[in-house]
Amino acid sequence: MKVTLLAHTPDPENLVATAAKLCYSSSDIGSLRDGLTEEKTEKFIDMLVSVGHESVMEHVSFTFGIEGISRACSHQLVRHRIASYSQKSQRYVNENGFDFITPPEISAEPEAKAEFDRMIGEISESYSKIADILTESHKARFISEGMDEKSAVSKARKLANEDARFILPNACETKIVVTMNVRSLFNFFRHRCCNRAQWEIRAVANEMLKLCLQTAPHIFKYAGPSCVSSGKCPEGKQSCGKASEIKKYFEQFIKDNSNA
């Protein structure tokens, strides 16, 4: 799994402070940044978080490239609605010999790993067979309709991929580009950095938070799972029961990765 910060709003913390300052000032927009030192900006951000004024965080966005994750993980990721996504298409990209993600718990059990690999191999073989059969069928039809062979093969393969993909597993590797504003990222981290989140998306969320901390440490020192960001766990009886351990972990995590 690899997470890369592709882009972000320039000078994010200053922009958040400027937008917030506008709400509390009659000054013209051009002079709002006057005197906004790093120290004053940090104090402004502290105040905003303390009063729950998160709407100004929406002016700042971060774009990530995420590679080497499963479709099971990306299905969870795209449930976060206030975001933009661009994902590798199984319709347009041929998945012959597809890469796949093996859960650590399966890798740790030789018998389970052997069965997992066997099934992935069967699916991969079946995918190729189905795609080849459909390609030949579509090609023959297109040629009979007067299309030249090269064009017929190209169009036939795309249509074959469209249907053959139905056999592909959640383990199939995918790549995705994600853009979220800071307010959405706070929500994402509250849910996905949580100890109860699925292991793969939790790993993705932690990597995203690490990159955010390196870029805007004053803002994202308040991010993390709910037990860290709000001081309480919303999971009720389903809580992991490790709030104190998680808090200590993220205190060190934030310290280690701020401006790293």
Protein backbone atom coordinates (compact mmCIF):
# COMPACT_ATOMS: atom_id res chain seq x y z
CA MET A 1 0.00 0.00 0.00
CA LYS A 2 1.32 3.43 -0.95
CA VAL A 3 -0.23 6.82 -0.19
CA THR A 4 1.13 9.97 -1.85
CA LEU A 5 0.10 13.57 -1.25
CA LEU A 6 -0.32 14.82 -4.81
CA ALA A 7 -1.45 18.37 -4.10
CA HIS A 8 -2.98 20.64 -1.49
CA THR A 9 -4.26 24.18 -1.15
CA PRO A 10 -1.24 26.51 -0.80
CA ASP A 11 -0.52 27.89 2.68
CA PRO A 12 -3.49 25.99 4.15
CA GLU A 13 -3.27 27.17 7.75
CA ASN A 14 -3.00 30.83 6.82
CA LEU A 15 -5.99 30.49 4.51
CA VAL A 16 -8.12 28.91 7.26
CA ALA A 17 -7.16 31.68 9.67
CA THR A 18 -7.87 34.34 7.03
CA ALA A 19 -11.32 32.92 6.27
CA ALA A 20 -12.10 32.76 9.98
CA LYS A 21 -10.83 36.27 10.58
CA LEU A 22 -13.27 37.53 7.95
CA CYS A 23 -16.17 36.19 10.03
CA TYR A 24 -15.10 38.30 13.01
CA SER A 25 -13.81 41.43 11.29
CA SER A 26 -15.11 44.36 9.26
CA SER A 27 -11.73 44.75 7.51
CA ASP A 28 -11.55 44.43 3.74
CA ILE A 29 -10.40 41.05 2.45
CA GLY A 30 -7.11 42.41 1.11
CA SER A 31 -5.89 43.37 4.57
CA LEU A 32 -7.11 40.32 6.50
CA ARG A 33 -3.74 38.58 6.31
CA ASP A 34 -1.86 41.57 7.71
CA GLY A 35 -0.17 40.57 10.92
CA LEU A 36 -1.16 36.90 10.65
CA THR A 37 2.08 35.44 12.00
CA GLU A 38 2.50 31.72 12.48
CA GLU A 39 1.86 32.15 16.20
CA LYS A 40 -1.35 34.13 15.63
CA THR A 41 -2.48 31.66 12.99
CA GLU A 42 -2.01 28.76 15.41
CA LYS A 43 -4.00 30.58 18.13
CA PHE A 44 -6.77 31.29 15.62
CA ILE A 45 -6.93 27.60 14.69
CA ASP A 46 -7.00 26.63 18.39
CA MET A 47 -9.96 28.97 18.90
CA LEU A 48 -11.81 27.65 15.86
CA VAL A 49 -11.53 24.05 16.98
CA SER A 50 -12.50 24.89 20.56
CA VAL A 51 -15.78 26.49 19.43
CA GLY A 52 -16.48 23.93 16.69
CA HIS A 53 -16.21 26.47 13.85
CA GLU A 54 -15.17 23.87 11.25
CA SER A 55 -16.86 25.37 8.17
CA VAL A 56 -13.79 27.52 7.43
CA MET A 57 -11.79 24.30 7.10
CA GLU A 58 -13.70 23.54 3.90
CA HIS A 59 -11.66 26.15 2.00
CA VAL A 60 -8.62 23.86 2.12
CA SER A 61 -8.37 20.57 0.24
CA PHE A 62 -5.84 17.75 -0.05
CA THR A 63 -5.46 15.32 -2.97
CA PHE A 64 -3.97 11.86 -2.41
CA GLY A 65 -2.87 9.09 -4.73
CA ILE A 66 -3.55 5.68 -3.16
CA GLU A 67 -2.08 2.51 -4.67
CA GLY A 68 -1.90 -1.14 -3.74
CA ILE A 69 -5.22 -1.39 -1.91
CA SER A 70 -8.03 -3.88 -2.41
CA ARG A 71 -11.44 -3.23 -3.86
CA ALA A 72 -12.76 -4.10 -0.39
CA CYS A 73 -10.86 -1.08 0.92
CA SER A 74 -11.86 1.30 -1.87
CA HIS A 75 -15.54 0.35 -1.40
CA GLN A 76 -15.27 1.68 2.16
CA LEU A 77 -13.32 4.75 1.10
CA VAL A 78 -15.89 5.97 -1.42
CA ARG A 79 -18.64 5.86 1.21
CA HIS A 80 -17.24 9.19 2.40
CA ARG A 81 -19.49 11.30 0.23
CA ILE A 82 -18.02 14.79 0.47
CA ALA A 83 -14.99 13.99 -1.65
CA SER A 84 -13.92 13.49 -5.26
CA TYR A 85 -12.67 10.16 -6.59
CA SER A 86 -10.98 8.83 -9.73
CA GLN A 87 -10.39 5.07 -9.69
CA LYS A 88 -8.73 2.54 -11.99
CA SER A 89 -11.55 1.12 -14.08
CA GLN A 90 -12.08 -2.63 -14.36
CA ARG A 91 -14.15 -1.85 -17.42
CA TYR A 92 -11.39 -0.21 -19.43
CA VAL A 93 -8.33 -1.89 -17.88
CA ASN A 94 -7.77 -5.56 -18.65
CA GLU A 95 -7.29 -7.54 -15.44
CA ASN A 96 -5.53 -10.62 -16.84
CA GLY A 97 -3.10 -11.75 -14.13
CA PHE A 98 -4.50 -9.13 -11.75
CA ASP A 99 -2.59 -8.15 -8.62
CA PHE A 100 -4.35 -8.86 -5.34
CA ILE A 101 -4.17 -8.01 -1.64
CA THR A 102 -3.82 -10.79 0.93
CA PRO A 103 -5.06 -9.99 4.46
CA PRO A 104 -2.31 -10.44 7.10
CA GLU A 105 -4.46 -12.89 9.08
CA ILE A 106 -4.67 -15.14 6.02
CA SER A 107 -0.94 -14.81 5.29
CA ALA A 108 -0.20 -15.88 8.88
CA GLU A 109 -2.01 -19.21 8.44
CA PRO A 110 -0.29 -21.45 5.83
CA GLU A 111 -3.40 -23.54 5.20
CA ALA A 112 -5.60 -20.47 4.73
CA LYS A 113 -2.95 -18.82 2.53
CA ALA A 114 -2.73 -21.88 0.31
CA GLU A 115 -6.50 -21.97 -0.14
CA PHE A 116 -6.62 -18.22 -0.76
CA ASP A 117 -3.91 -18.41 -3.43
CA ARG A 118 -5.59 -21.42 -5.04
CA MET A 119 -8.90 -19.59 -5.35
CA ILE A 120 -7.26 -16.39 -6.66
CA GLY A 121 -5.51 -18.51 -9.29
CA GLU A 122 -8.80 -20.11 -10.35
CA ILE A 123 -10.55 -16.74 -10.56
CA SER A 124 -7.69 -15.29 -12.61
CA GLU A 125 -7.81 -18.23 -15.01
CA SER A 126 -11.61 -18.06 -15.32
CA TYR A 127 -11.48 -14.29 -15.90
CA SER A 128 -9.07 -14.78 -18.80
CA LYS A 129 -11.15 -17.57 -20.31
CA ILE A 130 -14.41 -15.61 -20.08
CA ALA A 131 -12.77 -12.48 -21.51
CA ASP A 132 -11.28 -14.46 -24.42
CA ILE A 133 -14.60 -16.19 -25.21
CA LEU A 134 -16.51 -12.90 -25.16
CA THR A 135 -13.83 -11.15 -27.19
CA GLU A 136 -14.05 -13.73 -29.97
CA SER A 137 -17.85 -13.61 -29.96
CA HIS A 138 -17.98 -9.80 -30.12
CA LYS A 139 -15.22 -9.66 -32.74
CA ALA A 140 -17.04 -12.04 -35.05
CA ARG A 141 -20.20 -9.96 -34.79
CA PHE A 142 -18.42 -6.67 -35.44
CA ILE A 143 -16.60 -8.07 -38.48
CA SER A 144 -19.87 -9.43 -39.86
CA GLU A 145 -21.24 -5.90 -39.53
CA GLY A 146 -18.44 -4.56 -41.70
CA MET A 147 -15.88 -3.38 -39.13
CA ASP A 148 -12.18 -3.94 -39.90
CA GLU A 149 -10.47 -6.60 -37.79
CA LYS A 150 -8.17 -4.29 -35.79
CA SER A 151 -11.06 -2.06 -34.71
CA ALA A 152 -13.27 -5.09 -34.08
CA VAL A 153 -10.71 -6.67 -31.74
CA SER A 154 -10.21 -3.43 -29.79
CA LYS A 155 -13.93 -2.84 -29.30
CA ALA A 156 -14.59 -6.51 -28.55
CA ARG A 157 -11.94 -6.62 -25.80
CA LYS A 158 -13.41 -3.57 -24.07
CA LEU A 159 -16.87 -5.12 -24.06
CA ALA A 160 -15.44 -8.42 -22.84
CA ASN A 161 -13.70 -6.68 -19.91
CA GLU A 162 -16.99 -5.04 -19.01
CA ASP A 163 -18.65 -8.38 -18.34
CA ALA A 164 -15.69 -10.54 -17.30
CA ARG A 165 -15.00 -8.17 -14.37
CA PHE A 166 -18.09 -9.54 -12.58
CA ILE A 167 -16.00 -12.54 -11.50
CA LEU A 168 -13.21 -10.47 -9.92
CA PRO A 169 -12.86 -10.64 -6.10
CA ASN A 170 -12.74 -7.92 -3.44
CA ALA A 171 -9.05 -8.79 -3.09
CA CYS A 172 -8.35 -7.36 -6.56
CA GLU A 173 -5.79 -4.52 -6.35
CA THR A 174 -6.89 -1.02 -7.29
CA LYS A 175 -5.60 2.55 -7.45
CA ILE A 176 -7.54 5.71 -6.66
CA VAL A 177 -7.07 9.47 -6.48
CA VAL A 178 -8.97 11.14 -3.63
CA THR A 179 -9.61 14.81 -2.89
CA MET A 180 -11.16 15.91 0.42
CA ASN A 181 -11.47 19.22 2.20
CA VAL A 182 -10.16 19.46 5.75
CA ARG A 183 -13.56 19.21 7.39
CA SER A 184 -14.25 15.99 5.51
CA LEU A 185 -10.80 14.71 6.42
CA PHE A 186 -11.53 15.32 10.11
CA ASN A 187 -14.65 13.17 9.76
CA PHE A 188 -12.76 10.54 7.77
CA PHE A 189 -10.03 10.29 10.41
CA ARG A 190 -12.57 10.07 13.24
CA HIS A 191 -14.07 6.97 11.64
CA ARG A 192 -11.13 5.33 9.88
CA CYS A 193 -8.26 5.89 12.33
CA CYS A 194 -10.49 4.21 14.92
CA ASN A 195 -9.19 0.93 16.32
CA ARG A 196 -12.43 -0.71 15.21
CA ALA A 197 -12.01 0.29 11.57
CA GLN A 198 -11.05 -2.47 9.13
CA TRP A 199 -7.26 -2.98 9.14
CA GLU A 200 -6.62 -1.89 5.55
CA ILE A 201 -8.54 1.38 5.49
CA ARG A 202 -7.16 2.17 8.94
CA ALA A 203 -3.65 1.86 7.49
CA VAL A 204 -4.63 4.15 4.60
CA ALA A 205 -6.15 6.70 6.99
CA ASN A 206 -3.05 6.73 9.19
CA GLU A 207 -0.81 7.34 6.16
CA MET A 208 -3.08 10.16 4.98
CA LEU A 209 -3.02 11.74 8.44
CA LYS A 210 0.77 11.47 8.54
CA LEU A 211 1.03 13.43 5.27
CA CYS A 212 -1.48 16.03 6.48
CA LEU A 213 0.49 16.54 9.70
CA GLN A 214 3.66 17.15 7.71
CA THR A 215 1.88 19.85 5.71
CA ALA A 216 -0.46 21.52 8.22
CA PRO A 217 0.51 20.42 11.75
CA HIS A 218 -1.44 23.13 13.60
CA ILE A 219 -4.68 22.02 11.96
CA PHE A 220 -4.25 18.26 12.06
CA LYS A 221 -2.96 18.02 15.61
CA TYR A 222 -6.69 17.91 16.39
CA ALA A 223 -7.37 15.01 13.99
CA GLY A 224 -7.54 11.29 14.68
CA PRO A 225 -10.08 8.78 15.98
CA SER A 226 -12.98 10.12 18.05
CA CYS A 227 -11.43 9.10 21.36
CA VAL A 228 -8.51 11.39 20.48
CA SER A 229 -10.15 14.25 18.57
CA SER A 230 -13.23 14.64 20.82
CA GLY A 231 -12.05 12.81 23.92
CA LYS A 232 -14.84 10.24 23.88
CA CYS A 233 -15.69 7.02 22.07
CA PRO A 234 -19.02 6.90 20.17
CA GLU A 235 -19.01 3.11 19.79
CA GLY A 236 -20.83 2.32 23.02
CA LYS A 237 -20.80 -1.40 23.82
CA GLN A 238 -18.78 -2.03 20.67
CA SER A 239 -15.87 0.11 21.87
CA CYS A 240 -12.44 -1.50 21.57
CA GLY A 241 -11.91 -0.69 25.25
CA LYS A 242 -8.43 0.68 24.59
CA ALA A 243 -9.08 4.43 24.55
CA SER A 244 -6.17 5.30 26.84
CA GLU A 245 -3.73 3.24 24.75
CA ILE A 246 -5.03 4.76 21.49
CA LYS A 247 -4.73 8.29 22.91
CA LYS A 248 -1.10 7.69 23.89
CA TYR A 249 -0.34 6.20 20.49
CA PHE A 250 -1.77 9.18 18.61
CA GLU A 251 -0.16 11.74 20.90
CA GLN A 252 3.20 10.27 19.89
CA PHE A 253 2.08 9.80 16.28
CA ILE A 254 1.15 13.49 15.99
CA LYS A 255 4.39 14.56 17.67
CA ASP A 256 6.54 12.36 15.41
CA ASN A 257 4.90 13.41 12.15
CA SER A 258 4.27 17.14 12.62
CA ASN A 259 6.59 18.87 10.11
CA ALA A 260 8.56 15.62 9.79
